[in-house]
PDB file of all heavy atoms in Angstrom:
ATOM      1  N   GLU A   1     141.946 144.800 104.801  1.00  0.00           N
ATOM      2  CA  GLU A   1     142.822 145.805 105.403  1.00  0.00           C
ATOM      3  C   GLU A   1     143.729 146.411 104.328  1.00  0.00           C
ATOM      4  O   GLU A   1     144.363 145.685 103.556  1.00  0.00           O
ATOM      5  CB  GLU A   1     143.664 145.174 106.501  1.00  0.00           C
ATOM      6  CG  GLU A   1     144.505 146.181 107.261  1.00  0.00           C
ATOM      7  CD  GLU A   1     145.239 145.550 108.433  1.00  0.00           C
ATOM      8  OE1 GLU A   1     144.907 144.395 108.774  1.00  0.00           O
ATOM      9  OE2 GLU A   1     146.131 146.212 108.993  1.00  0.00           O
ATOM     10  N   THR A   2     143.762 147.733 104.267  1.00  0.00           N
ATOM     11  CA  THR A   2     144.578 148.432 103.278  1.00  0.00           C
ATOM     12  C   THR A   2     145.379 149.533 103.961  1.00  0.00           C
ATOM     13  O   THR A   2     145.099 149.920 105.096  1.00  0.00           O
ATOM     14  CB  THR A   2     143.705 149.066 102.174  1.00  0.00           C
ATOM     15  OG1 THR A   2     142.791 150.004 102.780  1.00  0.00           O
ATOM     16  CG2 THR A   2     142.921 148.005 101.421  1.00  0.00           C
ATOM     17  N   GLU A   3     146.389 150.036 103.264  1.00  0.00           N
ATOM     18  CA  GLU A   3     147.190 151.142 103.749  1.00  0.00           C
ATOM     19  C   GLU A   3     146.984 152.349 102.846  1.00  0.00           C
ATOM     20  O   GLU A   3     146.763 152.214 101.649  1.00  0.00           O
ATOM     21  CB  GLU A   3     148.674 150.767 103.780  1.00  0.00           C
ATOM     22  CG  GLU A   3     149.009 149.668 104.775  1.00  0.00           C
ATOM     23  CD  GLU A   3     150.489 149.378 104.843  1.00  0.00           C
ATOM     24  OE1 GLU A   3     151.251 150.042 104.100  1.00  0.00           O
ATOM     25  OE2 GLU A   3     150.894 148.500 105.633  1.00  0.00           O
ATOM     26  N   GLY A   4     147.068 153.545 103.439  1.00  0.00           N
ATOM     27  CA  GLY A   4     146.912 154.758 102.654  1.00  0.00           C
ATOM     28  C   GLY A   4     145.501 155.295 102.737  1.00  0.00           C
ATOM     29  O   GLY A   4     144.705 154.933 103.604  1.00  0.00           O
ATOM     30  N   ASN A   5     145.177 156.185 101.816  1.00  0.00           N
ATOM     31  CA  ASN A   5     143.838 156.771 101.752  1.00  0.00           C
ATOM     32  C   ASN A   5     142.850 155.737 101.227  1.00  0.00           C
ATOM     33  O   ASN A   5     143.060 155.162 100.157  1.00  0.00           O
ATOM     34  CB  ASN A   5     143.852 157.986 100.823  1.00  0.00           C
ATOM     35  CG  ASN A   5     144.767 159.084 101.341  1.00  0.00           C
ATOM     36  OD1 ASN A   5     144.450 159.755 102.314  1.00  0.00           O
ATOM     37  ND2 ASN A   5     145.908 159.266 100.684  1.00  0.00           N
ATOM     38  N   ALA A   6     141.793 155.489 101.964  1.00  0.00           N
ATOM     39  CA  ALA A   6     140.789 154.489 101.578  1.00  0.00           C
ATOM     40  C   ALA A   6     139.490 155.196 101.211  1.00  0.00           C
ATOM     41  O   ALA A   6     138.923 155.928 102.022  1.00  0.00           O
ATOM     42  CB  ALA A   6     140.563 153.495 102.709  1.00  0.00           C
ATOM     43  N   LEU A   7     139.011 154.961  99.992  1.00  0.00           N
ATOM     44  CA  LEU A   7     137.834 155.658  99.480  1.00  0.00           C
ATOM     45  C   LEU A   7     136.780 154.639  99.052  1.00  0.00           C
ATOM     46  O   LEU A   7     136.959 153.922  98.051  1.00  0.00           O
ATOM     47  CB  LEU A   7     138.219 156.531  98.276  1.00  0.00           C
ATOM     48  CG  LEU A   7     139.379 157.512  98.503  1.00  0.00           C
ATOM     49  CD1 LEU A   7     139.809 158.126  97.195  1.00  0.00           C
ATOM     50  CD2 LEU A   7     138.959 158.581  99.497  1.00  0.00           C
ATOM     51  N   PRO A   8     135.664 154.531  99.789  1.00  0.00           N
ATOM     52  CA  PRO A   8     134.581 153.639  99.342  1.00  0.00           C
ATOM     53  C   PRO A   8     134.034 154.111  97.991  1.00  0.00           C
ATOM     54  O   PRO A   8     133.866 155.308  97.757  1.00  0.00           O
ATOM     55  CB  PRO A   8     133.530 153.784 100.449  1.00  0.00           C
ATOM     56  CG  PRO A   8     134.275 154.319 101.627  1.00  0.00           C
ATOM     57  CD  PRO A   8     135.352 155.189 101.063  1.00  0.00           C
ATOM     58  N   CYS A   9     133.771 153.178  97.107  1.00  0.00           N
ATOM     59  CA  CYS A   9     133.301 153.564  95.771  1.00  0.00           C
ATOM     60  C   CYS A   9     132.485 152.441  95.149  1.00  0.00           C
ATOM     61  O   CYS A   9     132.434 151.320  95.656  1.00  0.00           O
ATOM     62  CB  CYS A   9     134.486 153.910  94.871  1.00  0.00           C
ATOM     63  SG  CYS A   9     135.678 152.573  94.693  1.00  0.00           S
ATOM     64  N   GLU A  10     131.870 152.793  94.022  1.00  0.00           N
ATOM     65  CA  GLU A  10     131.088 151.829  93.262  1.00  0.00           C
ATOM     66  C   GLU A  10     131.571 151.827  91.826  1.00  0.00           C
ATOM     67  O   GLU A  10     131.851 152.886  91.244  1.00  0.00           O
ATOM     68  CB  GLU A  10     129.606 152.187  93.317  1.00  0.00           C
ATOM     69  CG  GLU A  10     128.713 151.205  92.549  1.00  0.00           C
ATOM     70  CD  GLU A  10     127.244 151.597  92.630  1.00  0.00           C
ATOM     71  OE1 GLU A  10     126.827 152.110  93.685  1.00  0.00           O
ATOM     72  OE2 GLU A  10     126.520 151.405  91.624  1.00  0.00           O
ATOM     73  N   VAL A  11     131.696 150.647  91.263  1.00  0.00           N
ATOM     74  CA  VAL A  11     132.155 150.517  89.880  1.00  0.00           C
ATOM     75  C   VAL A  11     131.040 150.920  88.928  1.00  0.00           C
ATOM     76  O   VAL A  11     129.916 150.410  89.021  1.00  0.00           O
ATOM     77  CB  VAL A  11     132.607 149.067  89.587  1.00  0.00           C
ATOM     78  CG1 VAL A  11     133.025 148.935  88.113  1.00  0.00           C
ATOM     79  CG2 VAL A  11     133.738 148.666  90.516  1.00  0.00           C
ATOM     80  N   ARG A  12     131.338 151.848  88.037  1.00  0.00           N
ATOM     81  CA  ARG A  12     130.375 152.266  87.033  1.00  0.00           C
ATOM     82  C   ARG A  12     130.581 151.545  85.703  1.00  0.00           C
ATOM     83  O   ARG A  12     129.634 151.181  85.018  1.00  0.00           O
ATOM     84  CB  ARG A  12     130.479 153.776  86.815  1.00  0.00           C
ATOM     85  CG  ARG A  12     130.031 154.607  88.010  1.00  0.00           C
ATOM     86  CD  ARG A  12     128.595 154.315  88.357  1.00  0.00           C
ATOM     87  NE  ARG A  12     128.069 155.197  89.385  1.00  0.00           N
ATOM     88  CZ  ARG A  12     126.920 155.022  90.013  1.00  0.00           C
ATOM     89  NH1 ARG A  12     126.169 153.976  89.715  1.00  0.00           N
ATOM     90  NH2 ARG A  12     126.519 155.867  90.944  1.00  0.00           N
ATOM     91  N   ARG A  13     131.852 151.341  85.349  1.00  0.00           N
ATOM     92  CA  ARG A  13     132.124 150.757  84.032  1.00  0.00           C
ATOM     93  C   ARG A  13     133.540 150.194  84.024  1.00  0.00           C
ATOM     94  O   ARG A  13     134.429 150.709  84.705  1.00  0.00           O
ATOM     95  CB  ARG A  13     131.985 151.827  82.940  1.00  0.00           C
ATOM     96  CG  ARG A  13     132.032 151.302  81.516  1.00  0.00           C
ATOM     97  CD  ARG A  13     131.877 152.440  80.537  1.00  0.00           C
ATOM     98  NE  ARG A  13     131.987 151.999  79.161  1.00  0.00           N
ATOM     99  CZ  ARG A  13     132.205 152.801  78.127  1.00  0.00           C
ATOM    100  NH1 ARG A  13     132.319 154.103  78.326  1.00  0.00           N
ATOM    101  NH2 ARG A  13     132.304 152.334  76.912  1.00  0.00           N
ATOM    102  N   VAL A  14     133.750 149.142  83.249  1.00  0.00           N
ATOM    103  CA  VAL A  14     135.083 148.558  83.065  1.00  0.00           C
ATOM    104  C   VAL A  14     135.370 148.498  81.572  1.00  0.00           C
ATOM    105  O   VAL A  14     134.612 147.894  80.810  1.00  0.00           O
ATOM    106  CB  VAL A  14     135.167 147.137  83.679  1.00  0.00           C
ATOM    107  CG1 VAL A  14     136.574 146.567  83.483  1.00  0.00           C
ATOM    108  CG2 VAL A  14     134.796 147.165  85.158  1.00  0.00           C
ATOM    109  N   VAL A  15     136.447 149.151  81.166  1.00  0.00           N
ATOM    110  CA  VAL A  15     136.836 149.169  79.751  1.00  0.00           C
ATOM    111  C   VAL A  15     138.151 148.417  79.617  1.00  0.00           C
ATOM    112  O   VAL A  15     139.183 148.841  80.153  1.00  0.00           O
ATOM    113  CB  VAL A  15     136.993 150.612  79.231  1.00  0.00           C
ATOM    114  CG1 VAL A  15     137.382 150.595  77.752  1.00  0.00           C
ATOM    115  CG2 VAL A  15     135.701 151.398  79.445  1.00  0.00           C
ATOM    116  N   THR A  16     138.125 147.287  78.914  1.00  0.00           N
ATOM    117  CA  THR A  16     139.301 146.431  78.805  1.00  0.00           C
ATOM    118  C   THR A  16     140.086 146.742  77.548  1.00  0.00           C
ATOM    119  O   THR A  16     139.526 146.852  76.452  1.00  0.00           O
ATOM    120  CB  THR A  16     138.882 144.954  78.795  1.00  0.00           C
ATOM    121  OG1 THR A  16     138.133 144.676  79.987  1.00  0.00           O
ATOM    122  CG2 THR A  16     140.090 144.045  78.735  1.00  0.00           C
ATOM    123  N   GLN A  17     141.416 146.913  77.720  1.00  0.00           N
ATOM    124  CA  GLN A  17     142.322 147.049  76.588  1.00  0.00           C
ATOM    125  C   GLN A  17     143.125 145.756  76.453  1.00  0.00           C
ATOM    126  O   GLN A  17     142.729 144.723  76.972  1.00  0.00           O
ATOM    127  CB  GLN A  17     143.234 148.261  76.783  1.00  0.00           C
ATOM    128  CG  GLN A  17     142.534 149.614  76.657  1.00  0.00           C
ATOM    129  CD  GLN A  17     142.022 150.136  77.980  1.00  0.00           C
ATOM    130  OE1 GLN A  17     142.648 149.982  79.016  1.00  0.00           O
ATOM    131  NE2 GLN A  17     140.855 150.760  77.937  1.00  0.00           N
ATOM    132  N   HIS A  18     144.261 145.839  75.760  1.00  0.00           N
ATOM    133  CA  HIS A  18     145.032 144.622  75.488  1.00  0.00           C
ATOM    134  C   HIS A  18     145.647 144.044  76.759  1.00  0.00           C
ATOM    135  O   HIS A  18     145.457 142.873  77.094  1.00  0.00           O
ATOM    136  CB  HIS A  18     146.125 144.927  74.460  1.00  0.00           C
ATOM    137  CG  HIS A  18     147.009 143.762  74.158  1.00  0.00           C
ATOM    138  ND1 HIS A  18     146.520 142.550  73.723  1.00  0.00           N
ATOM    139  CD2 HIS A  18     148.364 143.603  74.251  1.00  0.00           C
ATOM    140  CE1 HIS A  18     147.509 141.703  73.543  1.00  0.00           C
ATOM    141  NE2 HIS A  18     148.636 142.319  73.869  1.00  0.00           N
ATOM    142  N   THR A  19     146.397 144.871  77.505  1.00  0.00           N
ATOM    143  CA  THR A  19     147.092 144.366  78.695  1.00  0.00           C
ATOM    144  C   THR A  19     146.566 144.958  79.993  1.00  0.00           C
ATOM    145  O   THR A  19     146.936 144.498  81.075  1.00  0.00           O
ATOM    146  CB  THR A  19     148.603 144.677  78.604  1.00  0.00           C
ATOM    147  OG1 THR A  19     148.793 146.085  78.486  1.00  0.00           O
ATOM    148  CG2 THR A  19     149.219 143.968  77.411  1.00  0.00           C
ATOM    149  N   ASP A  20     145.744 145.997  79.914  1.00  0.00           N
ATOM    150  CA  ASP A  20     145.203 146.588  81.132  1.00  0.00           C
ATOM    151  C   ASP A  20     143.745 146.974  80.929  1.00  0.00           C
ATOM    152  O   ASP A  20     143.180 146.753  79.861  1.00  0.00           O
ATOM    153  CB  ASP A  20     146.042 147.795  81.591  1.00  0.00           C
ATOM    154  CG  ASP A  20     146.101 148.886  80.533  1.00  0.00           C
ATOM    155  OD1 ASP A  20     145.305 148.852  79.571  1.00  0.00           O
ATOM    156  OD2 ASP A  20     146.931 149.797  80.675  1.00  0.00           O
ATOM    157  N   ALA A  21     143.162 147.507  81.978  1.00  0.00           N
ATOM    158  CA  ALA A  21     141.756 147.891  81.913  1.00  0.00           C
ATOM    159  C   ALA A  21     141.557 149.187  82.685  1.00  0.00           C
ATOM    160  O   ALA A  21     142.228 149.442  83.688  1.00  0.00           O
ATOM    161  CB  ALA A  21     140.865 146.792  82.482  1.00  0.00           C
ATOM    162  N   THR A  22     140.631 150.008  82.205  1.00  0.00           N
ATOM    163  CA  THR A  22     140.265 151.241  82.882  1.00  0.00           C
ATOM    164  C   THR A  22     138.961 151.004  83.634  1.00  0.00           C
ATOM    165  O   THR A  22     137.981 150.530  83.060  1.00  0.00           O
ATOM    166  CB  THR A  22     140.081 152.381  81.865  1.00  0.00           C
ATOM    167  OG1 THR A  22     141.326 152.611  81.196  1.00  0.00           O
ATOM    168  CG2 THR A  22     139.645 153.664  82.553  1.00  0.00           C
ATOM    169  N   VAL A  23     138.969 151.323  84.935  1.00  0.00           N
ATOM    170  CA  VAL A  23     137.798 151.135  85.773  1.00  0.00           C
ATOM    171  C   VAL A  23     137.283 152.512  86.175  1.00  0.00           C
ATOM    172  O   VAL A  23     138.000 153.286  86.810  1.00  0.00           O
ATOM    173  CB  VAL A  23     138.128 150.314  87.028  1.00  0.00           C
ATOM    174  CG1 VAL A  23     136.864 150.079  87.847  1.00  0.00           C
ATOM    175  CG2 VAL A  23     138.773 148.984  86.647  1.00  0.00           C
ATOM    176  N   LEU A  24     136.056 152.819  85.766  1.00  0.00           N
ATOM    177  CA  LEU A  24     135.422 154.082  86.120  1.00  0.00           C
ATOM    178  C   LEU A  24     134.661 153.896  87.425  1.00  0.00           C
ATOM    179  O   LEU A  24     133.820 152.998  87.544  1.00  0.00           O
ATOM    180  CB  LEU A  24     134.487 154.539  85.006  1.00  0.00           C
ATOM    181  CG  LEU A  24     135.124 154.703  83.624  1.00  0.00           C
ATOM    182  CD1 LEU A  24     134.095 155.180  82.608  1.00  0.00           C
ATOM    183  CD2 LEU A  24     136.303 155.655  83.675  1.00  0.00           C
ATOM    184  N   LEU A  25     134.965 154.755  88.398  1.00  0.00           N
ATOM    185  CA  LEU A  25     134.436 154.612  89.751  1.00  0.00           C
ATOM    186  C   LEU A  25     133.629 155.833  90.146  1.00  0.00           C
ATOM    187  O   LEU A  25     133.920 156.949  89.709  1.00  0.00           O
ATOM    188  CB  LEU A  25     135.583 154.436  90.744  1.00  0.00           C
ATOM    189  CG  LEU A  25     136.577 153.317  90.475  1.00  0.00           C
ATOM    190  CD1 LEU A  25     137.832 153.518  91.305  1.00  0.00           C
ATOM    191  CD2 LEU A  25     135.935 151.961  90.787  1.00  0.00           C
ATOM    192  N   SER A  26     132.657 155.635  91.005  1.00  0.00           N
ATOM    193  CA  SER A  26     131.943 156.718  91.669  1.00  0.00           C
ATOM    194  C   SER A  26     132.241 156.587  93.157  1.00  0.00           C
ATOM    195  O   SER A  26     131.847 155.593  93.789  1.00  0.00           O
ATOM    196  CB  SER A  26     130.439 156.622  91.408  1.00  0.00           C
ATOM    197  OG  SER A  26     129.747 157.640  92.091  1.00  0.00           O
ATOM    198  N   CYS A  27     132.971 157.561  93.701  1.00  0.00           N
ATOM    199  CA  CYS A  27     133.446 157.462  95.082  1.00  0.00           C
ATOM    200  C   CYS A  27     132.678 158.411  95.991  1.00  0.00           C
ATOM    201  O   CYS A  27     132.436 159.575  95.635  1.00  0.00           O
ATOM    202  CB  CYS A  27     134.936 157.761  95.160  1.00  0.00           C
ATOM    203  SG  CYS A  27     135.936 156.515  94.326  1.00  0.00           S
ATOM    204  N   ASP A  28     132.372 157.950  97.161  1.00  0.00           N
ATOM    205  CA  ASP A  28     131.605 158.738  98.127  1.00  0.00           C
ATOM    206  C   ASP A  28     132.335 160.044  98.446  1.00  0.00           C
ATOM    207  O   ASP A  28     133.495 160.043  98.831  1.00  0.00           O
ATOM    208  CB  ASP A  28     131.411 157.946  99.428  1.00  0.00           C
ATOM    209  CG  ASP A  28     130.531 156.722  99.227  1.00  0.00           C
ATOM    210  OD1 ASP A  28     129.917 156.617  98.150  1.00  0.00           O
ATOM    211  OD2 ASP A  28     130.473 155.878 100.147  1.00  0.00           O
ATOM    212  N   GLY A  29     131.637 161.145  98.285  1.00  0.00           N
ATOM    213  CA  GLY A  29     132.178 162.439  98.641  1.00  0.00           C
ATOM    214  C   GLY A  29     133.150 163.026  97.659  1.00  0.00           C
ATOM    215  O   GLY A  29     133.588 164.169  97.811  1.00  0.00           O
ATOM    216  N   ILE A  30     133.545 162.272  96.628  1.00  0.00           N
ATOM    217  CA  ILE A  30     134.523 162.768  95.658  1.00  0.00           C
ATOM    218  C   ILE A  30     133.937 162.830  94.259  1.00  0.00           C
ATOM    219  O   ILE A  30     134.172 163.768  93.511  1.00  0.00           O
ATOM    220  CB  ILE A  30     135.789 161.874  95.670  1.00  0.00           C
ATOM    221  CG1 ILE A  30     136.577 162.135  96.952  1.00  0.00           C
ATOM    222  CG2 ILE A  30     136.664 162.143  94.461  1.00  0.00           C
ATOM    223  CD1 ILE A  30     137.862 161.347  97.049  1.00  0.00           C
ATOM    224  N   GLY A  31     133.170 161.842  93.917  1.00  0.00           N
ATOM    225  CA  GLY A  31     132.633 161.780  92.565  1.00  0.00           C
ATOM    226  C   GLY A  31     133.387 160.771  91.731  1.00  0.00           C
ATOM    227  O   GLY A  31     133.792 159.717  92.236  1.00  0.00           O
ATOM    228  N   ARG A  32     133.630 161.095  90.483  1.00  0.00           N
ATOM    229  CA  ARG A  32     134.215 160.133  89.552  1.00  0.00           C
ATOM    230  C   ARG A  32     135.730 160.050  89.713  1.00  0.00           C
ATOM    231  O   ARG A  32     136.426 161.052  89.819  1.00  0.00           O
ATOM    232  CB  ARG A  32     133.873 160.527  88.118  1.00  0.00           C
ATOM    233  CG  ARG A  32     134.602 159.712  87.056  1.00  0.00           C
ATOM    234  CD  ARG A  32     134.110 160.043  85.683  1.00  0.00           C
ATOM    235  NE  ARG A  32     135.045 159.601  84.661  1.00  0.00           N
ATOM    236  CZ  ARG A  32     134.738 159.462  83.378  1.00  0.00           C
ATOM    237  NH1 ARG A  32     133.518 159.739  82.967  1.00  0.00           N
ATOM    238  NH2 ARG A  32     135.638 159.066  82.511  1.00  0.00           N
ATOM    239  N   LEU A  33     136.228 158.806  89.743  1.00  0.00           N
ATOM    240  CA  LEU A  33     137.655 158.524  89.686  1.00  0.00           C
ATOM    241  C   LEU A  33     137.903 157.483  88.608  1.00  0.00           C
ATOM    242  O   LEU A  33     137.023 156.670  88.299  1.00  0.00           O
ATOM    243  CB  LEU A  33     138.176 157.993  91.025  1.00  0.00           C
ATOM    244  CG  LEU A  33     138.377 158.973  92.181  1.00  0.00           C
ATOM    245  CD1 LEU A  33     138.949 158.230  93.390  1.00  0.00           C
ATOM    246  CD2 LEU A  33     139.298 160.121  91.785  1.00  0.00           C
ATOM    247  N   THR A  34     139.111 157.503  88.060  1.00  0.00           N
ATOM    248  CA  THR A  34     139.515 156.519  87.066  1.00  0.00           C
ATOM    249  C   THR A  34     140.694 155.735  87.603  1.00  0.00           C
ATOM    250  O   THR A  34     141.687 156.325  88.042  1.00  0.00           O
ATOM    251  CB  THR A  34     139.919 157.197  85.744  1.00  0.00           C
ATOM    252  OG1 THR A  34     138.810 157.952  85.256  1.00  0.00           O
ATOM    253  CG2 THR A  34     140.326 156.173  84.714  1.00  0.00           C
ATOM    254  N   ALA A  35     140.598 154.410  87.588  1.00  0.00           N
ATOM    255  CA  ALA A  35     141.700 153.548  87.998  1.00  0.00           C
ATOM    256  C   ALA A  35     142.130 152.698  86.812  1.00  0.00           C
ATOM    257  O   ALA A  35     141.321 152.398  85.924  1.00  0.00           O
ATOM    258  CB  ALA A  35     141.277 152.653  89.163  1.00  0.00           C
ATOM    259  N   ARG A  36     143.409 152.331  86.783  1.00  0.00           N
ATOM    260  CA  ARG A  36     143.902 151.455  85.722  1.00  0.00           C
ATOM    261  C   ARG A  36     144.521 150.229  86.367  1.00  0.00           C
ATOM    262  O   ARG A  36     145.402 150.354  87.222  1.00  0.00           O
ATOM    263  CB  ARG A  36     144.916 152.182  84.851  1.00  0.00           C
ATOM    264  CG  ARG A  36     145.139 151.507  83.493  1.00  0.00           C
ATOM    265  CD  ARG A  36     145.569 152.502  82.436  1.00  0.00           C
ATOM    266  NE  ARG A  36     144.504 153.461  82.171  1.00  0.00           N
ATOM    267  CZ  ARG A  36     144.702 154.767  82.087  1.00  0.00           C
ATOM    268  NH1 ARG A  36     145.895 155.277  82.260  1.00  0.00           N
ATOM    269  NH2 ARG A  36     143.689 155.577  81.837  1.00  0.00           N
ATOM    270  N   VAL A  37     144.044 149.055  85.969  1.00  0.00           N
ATOM    271  CA  VAL A  37     144.471 147.812  86.590  1.00  0.00           C
ATOM    272  C   VAL A  37     144.894 146.818  85.520  1.00  0.00           C
ATOM    273  O   VAL A  37     144.598 146.993  84.319  1.00  0.00           O
ATOM    274  CB  VAL A  37     143.334 147.202  87.441  1.00  0.00           C
ATOM    275  CG1 VAL A  37     142.900 148.170  88.533  1.00  0.00           C
ATOM    276  CG2 VAL A  37     142.136 146.808  86.568  1.00  0.00           C
ATOM    277  N   ASP A  38     145.565 145.768  85.943  1.00  0.00           N
ATOM    278  CA  ASP A  38     145.946 144.690  85.038  1.00  0.00           C
ATOM    279  C   ASP A  38     144.682 144.022  84.492  1.00  0.00           C
ATOM    280  O   ASP A  38     143.685 143.866  85.205  1.00  0.00           O
ATOM    281  CB  ASP A  38     146.809 143.667  85.779  1.00  0.00           C
ATOM    282  CG  ASP A  38     147.371 142.608  84.846  1.00  0.00           C
ATOM    283  OD1 ASP A  38     146.645 141.627  84.576  1.00  0.00           O
ATOM    284  OD2 ASP A  38     148.517 142.764  84.397  1.00  0.00           O
TER     285      ASP A  38
END
């Protein structure tokens, strides 16, 4: 269960840096999104 806009997606690639990571996503109906996580 989540709050806000919920977008189903598939992970394409994970690029790890020192303290965080960039996650490249392919989202249904939108295309590519980039997320940054711990």
